[in-house]
Amino acid sequence: MAVLDGLARLATGVALSVGLSVAVMLLPGAAQAAERLNANGARLADAAVDISDSVTLTRTISLGGDAPGAFYVTANLPDGRRLQRNNLGYWVPWNGRRASLIDNQFAVGDDQVTYKILRQNIADMFFPITITLGYRVDGVIKYGVFDVQPEQ
């Protein structure tokens, strides 16, 4: 029941809890080169997180010269729910339609963007959580997908 309560708080956009941040570790074998998104969907390196405390998860993506007009973050949960992060950092329900995606308005610098994904306690969540990062450029959405899992 605590998991459902936690998901309900996410889905209703209640403020994300802020606490002690922990580092996110890429799973063994993850590429060290700058990751890029593409129109066919890139497979990004999975993230293993220490769920004993509040998790801070970000991901820096190389833009490869693209000049995006909007940035998106969505999450697919094991129970079938789809959420999206809004520009204030809250997770809200998403209907799966591209037209309803909310621009997160991330800043671009040095041909890169850092996506702010999570900053909350996710210990009561079911895993894996599948995260999709995307941006719109020239009428196309380029995106990439990775899973978030607890450290073993």
N, C-alpha and C. Protein backbone atom coordinates (compact mmCIF):
# COMPACT_ATOMS: atom_id res chain seq x y z
N MET A 1 0.82 -1.20 0.00
CA MET A 1 0.00 0.00 0.00
C MET A 1 0.86 1.25 0.00
N ALA A 2 2.02 1.22 0.68
CA ALA A 2 2.90 2.38 0.70
C ALA A 2 3.37 2.73 -0.71
N VAL A 3 3.58 1.72 -1.54
CA VAL A 3 4.00 1.97 -2.92
C VAL A 3 2.91 2.69 -3.68
N LEU A 4 1.66 2.23 -3.52
CA LEU A 4 0.55 2.89 -4.20
C LEU A 4 0.39 4.32 -3.72
N ASP A 5 0.55 4.54 -2.42
CA ASP A 5 0.48 5.89 -1.89
C ASP A 5 1.57 6.76 -2.50
N GLY A 6 2.78 6.20 -2.61
CA GLY A 6 3.89 6.95 -3.20
C GLY A 6 3.62 7.29 -4.65
N LEU A 7 3.08 6.34 -5.40
CA LEU A 7 2.75 6.61 -6.79
C LEU A 7 1.63 7.64 -6.91
N ALA A 8 0.67 7.55 -6.01
CA ALA A 8 -0.42 8.52 -6.03
C ALA A 8 0.11 9.93 -5.79
N ARG A 9 1.07 10.06 -4.86
CA ARG A 9 1.66 11.38 -4.62
C ARG A 9 2.38 11.87 -5.87
N LEU A 10 3.10 10.97 -6.53
CA LEU A 10 3.75 11.36 -7.78
C LEU A 10 2.72 11.79 -8.81
N ALA A 11 1.69 10.99 -8.96
CA ALA A 11 0.70 11.23 -10.00
C ALA A 11 -0.09 12.50 -9.77
N THR A 12 -0.26 12.92 -8.55
CA THR A 12 -1.02 14.14 -8.29
C THR A 12 -0.14 15.37 -8.25
N GLY A 13 1.15 15.20 -8.46
CA GLY A 13 2.02 16.35 -8.56
C GLY A 13 2.41 16.97 -7.23
N VAL A 14 2.31 16.22 -6.15
CA VAL A 14 2.74 16.73 -4.86
C VAL A 14 4.24 16.95 -4.91
N ALA A 15 4.73 17.93 -4.21
CA ALA A 15 6.15 18.28 -4.26
C ALA A 15 7.04 17.07 -4.02
N LEU A 16 8.09 16.97 -4.82
CA LEU A 16 9.06 15.90 -4.64
C LEU A 16 9.81 16.13 -3.35
N SER A 17 10.04 15.07 -2.61
CA SER A 17 10.75 15.22 -1.36
C SER A 17 12.22 15.51 -1.63
N VAL A 18 12.77 16.39 -0.83
CA VAL A 18 14.17 16.76 -0.96
C VAL A 18 14.89 16.25 0.27
N GLY A 19 15.98 15.57 0.06
CA GLY A 19 16.74 15.02 1.18
C GLY A 19 18.18 14.88 0.80
N LEU A 20 18.90 14.09 1.55
CA LEU A 20 20.29 13.83 1.27
C LEU A 20 20.41 13.14 -0.08
N SER A 21 21.22 13.70 -0.96
CA SER A 21 21.39 13.12 -2.29
C SER A 21 22.41 12.02 -2.25
N VAL A 22 22.22 11.05 -3.12
CA VAL A 22 23.20 9.98 -3.27
C VAL A 22 23.63 9.93 -4.72
N ALA A 23 24.82 9.44 -4.94
CA ALA A 23 25.35 9.35 -6.30
C ALA A 23 24.64 8.23 -7.05
N VAL A 24 24.55 8.42 -8.34
CA VAL A 24 24.00 7.39 -9.21
C VAL A 24 25.16 6.73 -9.92
N MET A 25 25.13 5.41 -9.98
CA MET A 25 26.21 4.66 -10.60
C MET A 25 25.67 3.97 -11.84
N LEU A 26 26.38 4.13 -12.96
CA LEU A 26 25.99 3.41 -14.16
C LEU A 26 26.35 1.95 -13.98
N LEU A 27 25.56 1.08 -14.57
CA LEU A 27 25.83 -0.34 -14.46
C LEU A 27 27.13 -0.69 -15.17
N PRO A 28 27.80 -1.77 -14.75
CA PRO A 28 29.05 -2.18 -15.39
C PRO A 28 28.87 -2.31 -16.90
N GLY A 29 29.89 -1.88 -17.63
CA GLY A 29 29.85 -1.97 -19.08
C GLY A 29 29.20 -0.76 -19.73
N ALA A 30 28.73 0.19 -18.93
CA ALA A 30 28.09 1.37 -19.50
C ALA A 30 29.13 2.24 -20.20
N ALA A 31 28.74 2.82 -21.30
CA ALA A 31 29.65 3.65 -22.08
C ALA A 31 30.02 4.91 -21.31
N GLN A 32 31.28 5.31 -21.42
CA GLN A 32 31.74 6.52 -20.76
C GLN A 32 31.64 7.73 -21.69
N ALA A 33 31.46 7.51 -23.00
CA ALA A 33 31.33 8.60 -23.95
C ALA A 33 30.00 9.31 -23.72
N ALA A 34 29.94 10.56 -24.19
CA ALA A 34 28.71 11.33 -24.07
C ALA A 34 27.58 10.61 -24.81
N GLU A 35 26.47 10.48 -24.16
CA GLU A 35 25.34 9.79 -24.78
C GLU A 35 24.57 10.77 -25.66
N ARG A 36 23.95 10.22 -26.72
CA ARG A 36 23.18 11.02 -27.66
C ARG A 36 21.81 10.39 -27.83
N LEU A 37 20.85 11.22 -28.16
CA LEU A 37 19.50 10.77 -28.46
C LEU A 37 19.33 10.73 -29.97
N ASN A 38 18.37 9.93 -30.47
CA ASN A 38 18.12 9.93 -31.91
C ASN A 38 16.63 9.69 -32.17
N ALA A 39 16.22 9.88 -33.42
CA ALA A 39 14.81 9.81 -33.78
C ALA A 39 14.26 8.39 -33.71
N ASN A 40 15.12 7.38 -33.68
CA ASN A 40 14.68 5.99 -33.57
C ASN A 40 14.68 5.48 -32.14
N GLY A 41 15.17 6.28 -31.21
CA GLY A 41 15.24 5.88 -29.81
C GLY A 41 16.55 5.20 -29.47
N ALA A 42 17.41 5.89 -28.78
CA ALA A 42 18.70 5.35 -28.36
C ALA A 42 18.54 4.55 -27.08
N ARG A 43 19.34 3.49 -26.96
CA ARG A 43 19.38 2.75 -25.69
C ARG A 43 20.49 3.37 -24.87
N LEU A 44 20.14 4.00 -23.77
CA LEU A 44 21.10 4.66 -22.90
C LEU A 44 21.53 3.71 -21.79
N ALA A 45 22.65 4.02 -21.16
CA ALA A 45 23.16 3.17 -20.07
C ALA A 45 22.18 3.19 -18.90
N ASP A 46 21.89 2.00 -18.37
CA ASP A 46 21.01 1.88 -17.20
C ASP A 46 21.67 2.51 -15.99
N ALA A 47 20.86 2.89 -15.00
CA ALA A 47 21.36 3.50 -13.77
C ALA A 47 21.01 2.62 -12.58
N ALA A 48 22.01 2.35 -11.75
CA ALA A 48 21.80 1.63 -10.49
C ALA A 48 21.89 2.66 -9.37
N VAL A 49 20.89 2.70 -8.52
CA VAL A 49 20.84 3.73 -7.49
C VAL A 49 20.74 3.11 -6.10
N ASP A 50 21.30 3.81 -5.12
CA ASP A 50 21.20 3.42 -3.72
C ASP A 50 19.86 3.95 -3.22
N ILE A 51 18.91 3.05 -2.99
CA ILE A 51 17.57 3.49 -2.61
C ILE A 51 17.39 3.60 -1.09
N SER A 52 18.49 3.54 -0.34
CA SER A 52 18.37 3.64 1.11
C SER A 52 18.10 5.07 1.57
N ASP A 53 18.23 6.03 0.66
CA ASP A 53 18.01 7.43 0.99
C ASP A 53 17.41 8.12 -0.24
N SER A 54 17.29 9.42 -0.19
CA SER A 54 16.77 10.17 -1.32
C SER A 54 17.71 10.03 -2.50
N VAL A 55 17.15 9.83 -3.68
CA VAL A 55 17.93 9.64 -4.91
C VAL A 55 17.90 10.91 -5.74
N THR A 56 19.08 11.34 -6.18
CA THR A 56 19.18 12.41 -7.15
C THR A 56 19.70 11.79 -8.43
N LEU A 57 18.94 11.90 -9.50
CA LEU A 57 19.31 11.30 -10.76
C LEU A 57 19.27 12.36 -11.85
N THR A 58 20.41 12.57 -12.50
CA THR A 58 20.50 13.46 -13.64
C THR A 58 21.20 12.70 -14.77
N ARG A 59 21.08 13.20 -15.97
CA ARG A 59 21.76 12.58 -17.12
C ARG A 59 22.14 13.70 -18.08
N THR A 60 23.44 13.77 -18.45
CA THR A 60 23.91 14.75 -19.41
C THR A 60 23.96 14.11 -20.78
N ILE A 61 23.36 14.78 -21.75
CA ILE A 61 23.24 14.30 -23.11
C ILE A 61 23.92 15.28 -24.06
N SER A 62 24.72 14.75 -24.97
CA SER A 62 25.35 15.56 -26.01
C SER A 62 24.30 15.87 -27.08
N LEU A 63 24.27 17.10 -27.53
CA LEU A 63 23.29 17.50 -28.53
C LEU A 63 23.80 17.35 -29.95
N GLY A 64 25.09 17.15 -30.14
CA GLY A 64 25.64 16.94 -31.48
C GLY A 64 25.28 18.04 -32.46
N GLY A 65 25.23 19.28 -31.98
CA GLY A 65 24.92 20.41 -32.85
C GLY A 65 23.44 20.72 -32.96
N ASP A 66 22.56 19.89 -32.40
CA ASP A 66 21.12 20.17 -32.44
C ASP A 66 20.80 21.38 -31.57
N ALA A 67 19.76 22.11 -31.95
CA ALA A 67 19.26 23.24 -31.16
C ALA A 67 17.81 22.94 -30.76
N PRO A 68 17.61 22.14 -29.69
CA PRO A 68 16.26 21.73 -29.30
C PRO A 68 15.36 22.89 -28.91
N GLY A 69 14.06 22.70 -29.20
CA GLY A 69 13.07 23.68 -28.81
C GLY A 69 12.32 23.29 -27.54
N ALA A 70 12.40 22.03 -27.13
CA ALA A 70 11.71 21.56 -25.94
C ALA A 70 12.36 20.27 -25.45
N PHE A 71 12.28 20.04 -24.13
CA PHE A 71 12.89 18.86 -23.50
C PHE A 71 11.83 18.11 -22.70
N TYR A 72 11.87 16.76 -22.77
CA TYR A 72 10.85 15.94 -22.13
C TYR A 72 11.48 14.83 -21.29
N VAL A 73 10.78 14.47 -20.19
CA VAL A 73 11.17 13.33 -19.36
C VAL A 73 9.89 12.57 -19.02
N THR A 74 9.87 11.27 -19.34
CA THR A 74 8.73 10.44 -18.99
C THR A 74 9.22 9.21 -18.24
N ALA A 75 8.31 8.58 -17.51
CA ALA A 75 8.62 7.36 -16.76
C ALA A 75 7.51 6.35 -16.99
N ASN A 76 7.91 5.12 -17.27
CA ASN A 76 6.97 4.00 -17.34
C ASN A 76 7.22 3.12 -16.12
N LEU A 77 6.17 2.93 -15.33
CA LEU A 77 6.29 2.15 -14.11
C LEU A 77 5.84 0.72 -14.36
N PRO A 78 6.35 -0.23 -13.57
CA PRO A 78 5.99 -1.64 -13.76
C PRO A 78 4.49 -1.92 -13.65
N ASP A 79 3.75 -1.06 -12.98
CA ASP A 79 2.30 -1.28 -12.85
C ASP A 79 1.52 -0.76 -14.06
N GLY A 80 2.24 -0.25 -15.08
CA GLY A 80 1.60 0.23 -16.30
C GLY A 80 1.35 1.72 -16.35
N ARG A 81 1.57 2.41 -15.26
CA ARG A 81 1.35 3.85 -15.26
C ARG A 81 2.43 4.56 -16.06
N ARG A 82 2.01 5.64 -16.72
CA ARG A 82 2.94 6.51 -17.43
C ARG A 82 2.87 7.89 -16.80
N LEU A 83 4.03 8.40 -16.44
CA LEU A 83 4.12 9.72 -15.84
C LEU A 83 5.06 10.57 -16.67
N GLN A 84 4.93 11.90 -16.52
CA GLN A 84 5.91 12.80 -17.12
C GLN A 84 6.29 13.85 -16.09
N ARG A 85 7.52 14.31 -16.22
CA ARG A 85 8.03 15.34 -15.34
C ARG A 85 7.64 16.68 -15.95
N ASN A 86 7.09 17.57 -15.12
CA ASN A 86 6.77 18.90 -15.64
C ASN A 86 7.94 19.84 -15.36
N ASN A 87 7.84 21.06 -15.84
CA ASN A 87 8.95 22.01 -15.72
C ASN A 87 9.20 22.48 -14.29
N LEU A 88 8.36 22.13 -13.35
CA LEU A 88 8.58 22.45 -11.94
C LEU A 88 9.18 21.27 -11.18
N GLY A 89 9.38 20.14 -11.86
CA GLY A 89 9.99 18.98 -11.23
C GLY A 89 9.00 17.99 -10.63
N TYR A 90 7.72 18.20 -10.86
CA TYR A 90 6.70 17.28 -10.35
C TYR A 90 6.40 16.20 -11.40
N TRP A 91 6.05 15.02 -10.91
CA TRP A 91 5.62 13.93 -11.79
C TRP A 91 4.10 13.95 -11.86
N VAL A 92 3.57 13.98 -13.08
CA VAL A 92 2.12 14.03 -13.31
C VAL A 92 1.74 12.93 -14.30
N PRO A 93 0.50 12.50 -14.29
CA PRO A 93 0.07 11.47 -15.25
C PRO A 93 0.28 11.95 -16.69
N TRP A 94 0.60 10.98 -17.55
CA TRP A 94 0.77 11.28 -18.97
C TRP A 94 -0.06 10.30 -19.77
N ASN A 95 -0.76 10.78 -20.78
CA ASN A 95 -1.65 9.94 -21.59
C ASN A 95 -0.92 9.23 -22.73
N GLY A 96 0.37 9.43 -22.87
CA GLY A 96 1.13 8.76 -23.90
C GLY A 96 1.16 9.47 -25.24
N ARG A 97 0.50 10.60 -25.34
CA ARG A 97 0.45 11.35 -26.60
C ARG A 97 1.54 12.41 -26.64
N ARG A 98 2.26 12.44 -27.75
CA ARG A 98 3.35 13.41 -27.90
C ARG A 98 2.86 14.85 -27.75
N ALA A 99 1.65 15.12 -28.24
CA ALA A 99 1.12 16.48 -28.18
C ALA A 99 0.93 16.97 -26.74
N SER A 100 0.82 16.05 -25.78
CA SER A 100 0.60 16.46 -24.39
C SER A 100 1.88 16.50 -23.56
N LEU A 101 3.02 16.27 -24.19
CA LEU A 101 4.29 16.34 -23.45
C LEU A 101 4.54 17.76 -22.95
N ILE A 102 5.09 17.86 -21.75
CA ILE A 102 5.38 19.15 -21.12
C ILE A 102 6.86 19.46 -21.27
N ASP A 103 7.15 20.66 -21.77
CA ASP A 103 8.54 21.10 -21.93
C ASP A 103 9.15 21.36 -20.55
N ASN A 104 10.27 20.70 -20.27
CA ASN A 104 10.96 20.87 -18.99
C ASN A 104 11.88 22.08 -18.97
N GLN A 105 12.10 22.71 -20.11
CA GLN A 105 12.84 23.98 -20.21
C GLN A 105 14.24 23.90 -19.61
N PHE A 106 14.96 22.80 -19.87
CA PHE A 106 16.32 22.67 -19.38
C PHE A 106 17.24 23.60 -20.16
N ALA A 107 18.29 24.08 -19.49
CA ALA A 107 19.26 24.97 -20.12
C ALA A 107 20.30 24.17 -20.90
N VAL A 108 20.71 24.72 -22.03
CA VAL A 108 21.73 24.11 -22.88
C VAL A 108 23.04 24.87 -22.68
N GLY A 109 24.14 24.12 -22.59
CA GLY A 109 25.46 24.74 -22.49
C GLY A 109 26.52 23.82 -23.06
N ASP A 110 27.44 24.36 -23.82
CA ASP A 110 28.53 23.58 -24.41
C ASP A 110 28.03 22.39 -25.20
N ASP A 111 26.96 22.59 -25.98
CA ASP A 111 26.38 21.55 -26.83
C ASP A 111 25.90 20.34 -26.03
N GLN A 112 25.50 20.58 -24.78
CA GLN A 112 24.98 19.52 -23.92
C GLN A 112 23.78 20.03 -23.13
N VAL A 113 22.98 19.09 -22.66
CA VAL A 113 21.89 19.41 -21.76
C VAL A 113 21.93 18.40 -20.62
N THR A 114 21.69 18.87 -19.41
CA THR A 114 21.60 17.98 -18.26
C THR A 114 20.14 17.86 -17.86
N TYR A 115 19.63 16.66 -17.99
CA TYR A 115 18.25 16.37 -17.61
C TYR A 115 18.19 16.12 -16.11
N LYS A 116 17.31 16.83 -15.43
CA LYS A 116 17.03 16.56 -14.02
C LYS A 116 15.87 15.57 -14.01
N ILE A 117 16.12 14.39 -13.48
CA ILE A 117 15.13 13.33 -13.59
C ILE A 117 14.42 13.07 -12.26
N LEU A 118 15.18 12.76 -11.24
CA LEU A 118 14.62 12.45 -9.92
C LEU A 118 15.37 13.17 -8.83
N ARG A 119 14.65 13.52 -7.80
CA ARG A 119 15.23 13.98 -6.54
C ARG A 119 14.21 13.67 -5.46
N GLN A 120 14.20 12.39 -5.06
CA GLN A 120 13.21 11.95 -4.09
C GLN A 120 13.55 10.56 -3.59
N ASN A 121 12.82 10.12 -2.59
CA ASN A 121 12.97 8.78 -2.06
C ASN A 121 12.12 7.85 -2.91
N ILE A 122 12.75 6.81 -3.46
CA ILE A 122 12.02 5.87 -4.31
C ILE A 122 12.09 4.45 -3.76
N ALA A 123 12.41 4.31 -2.48
CA ALA A 123 12.58 3.00 -1.86
C ALA A 123 11.33 2.12 -1.95
N ASP A 124 10.15 2.71 -1.95
CA ASP A 124 8.92 1.94 -1.98
C ASP A 124 8.39 1.66 -3.38
N MET A 125 9.15 2.03 -4.39
CA MET A 125 8.72 1.84 -5.78
C MET A 125 9.03 0.43 -6.24
N PHE A 126 8.30 -0.04 -7.25
CA PHE A 126 8.63 -1.28 -7.94
C PHE A 126 9.64 -0.95 -9.03
N PHE A 127 10.51 -1.89 -9.34
CA PHE A 127 11.57 -1.68 -10.32
C PHE A 127 11.52 -2.76 -11.39
N PRO A 128 12.08 -2.51 -12.57
CA PRO A 128 12.76 -1.29 -12.96
C PRO A 128 11.76 -0.19 -13.34
N ILE A 129 12.22 1.04 -13.24
CA ILE A 129 11.49 2.20 -13.74
C ILE A 129 12.16 2.56 -15.06
N THR A 130 11.39 2.63 -16.12
CA THR A 130 11.95 2.95 -17.43
C THR A 130 11.77 4.45 -17.68
N ILE A 131 12.90 5.12 -17.88
CA ILE A 131 12.91 6.57 -18.10
C ILE A 131 13.16 6.84 -19.58
N THR A 132 12.41 7.75 -20.16
CA THR A 132 12.64 8.22 -21.52
C THR A 132 12.97 9.69 -21.48
N LEU A 133 14.10 10.05 -22.06
CA LEU A 133 14.52 11.45 -22.21
C LEU A 133 14.33 11.82 -23.67
N GLY A 134 13.85 13.02 -23.92
CA GLY A 134 13.66 13.42 -25.31
C GLY A 134 13.80 14.91 -25.49
N TYR A 135 14.00 15.30 -26.74
CA TYR A 135 13.93 16.72 -27.10
C TYR A 135 13.40 16.85 -28.51
N ARG A 136 12.77 18.00 -28.76
CA ARG A 136 12.20 18.29 -30.08
C ARG A 136 13.16 19.20 -30.84
N VAL A 137 13.46 18.78 -32.07
CA VAL A 137 14.32 19.58 -32.94
C VAL A 137 13.82 19.41 -34.38
N ASP A 138 13.63 20.51 -35.08
CA ASP A 138 13.17 20.46 -36.48
C ASP A 138 11.93 19.60 -36.67
N GLY A 139 10.98 19.68 -35.74
CA GLY A 139 9.73 18.95 -35.85
C GLY A 139 9.81 17.47 -35.52
N VAL A 140 10.97 17.01 -35.07
CA VAL A 140 11.18 15.60 -34.74
C VAL A 140 11.51 15.49 -33.25
N ILE A 141 11.07 14.41 -32.61
CA ILE A 141 11.47 14.16 -31.23
C ILE A 141 12.57 13.11 -31.25
N LYS A 142 13.74 13.49 -30.75
CA LYS A 142 14.84 12.54 -30.56
C LYS A 142 14.75 12.09 -29.12
N TYR A 143 14.98 10.80 -28.89
CA TYR A 143 14.80 10.28 -27.53
C TYR A 143 15.73 9.12 -27.25
N GLY A 144 15.83 8.80 -25.98
CA GLY A 144 16.61 7.66 -25.51
C GLY A 144 15.96 7.10 -24.26
N VAL A 145 16.22 5.82 -23.99
CA VAL A 145 15.55 5.11 -22.91
C VAL A 145 16.58 4.40 -22.04
N PHE A 146 16.34 4.40 -20.73
CA PHE A 146 17.16 3.60 -19.80
C PHE A 146 16.32 3.18 -18.62
N ASP A 147 16.81 2.16 -17.91
CA ASP A 147 16.12 1.65 -16.72
C ASP A 147 16.83 2.12 -15.47
N VAL A 148 16.05 2.39 -14.44
CA VAL A 148 16.56 2.70 -13.11
C VAL A 148 16.28 1.47 -12.25
N GLN A 149 17.32 0.98 -11.58
CA GLN A 149 17.22 -0.20 -10.73
C GLN A 149 17.96 0.03 -9.43
N PRO A 150 17.60 -0.67 -8.36
CA PRO A 150 18.37 -0.55 -7.11
C PRO A 150 19.74 -1.18 -7.30
N GLU A 151 20.74 -0.62 -6.59
CA GLU A 151 22.06 -1.25 -6.58
C GLU A 151 21.94 -2.63 -5.97
N GLN A 152 22.74 -3.54 -6.42
CA GLN A 152 22.73 -4.90 -5.89
C GLN A 152 23.70 -5.03 -4.73
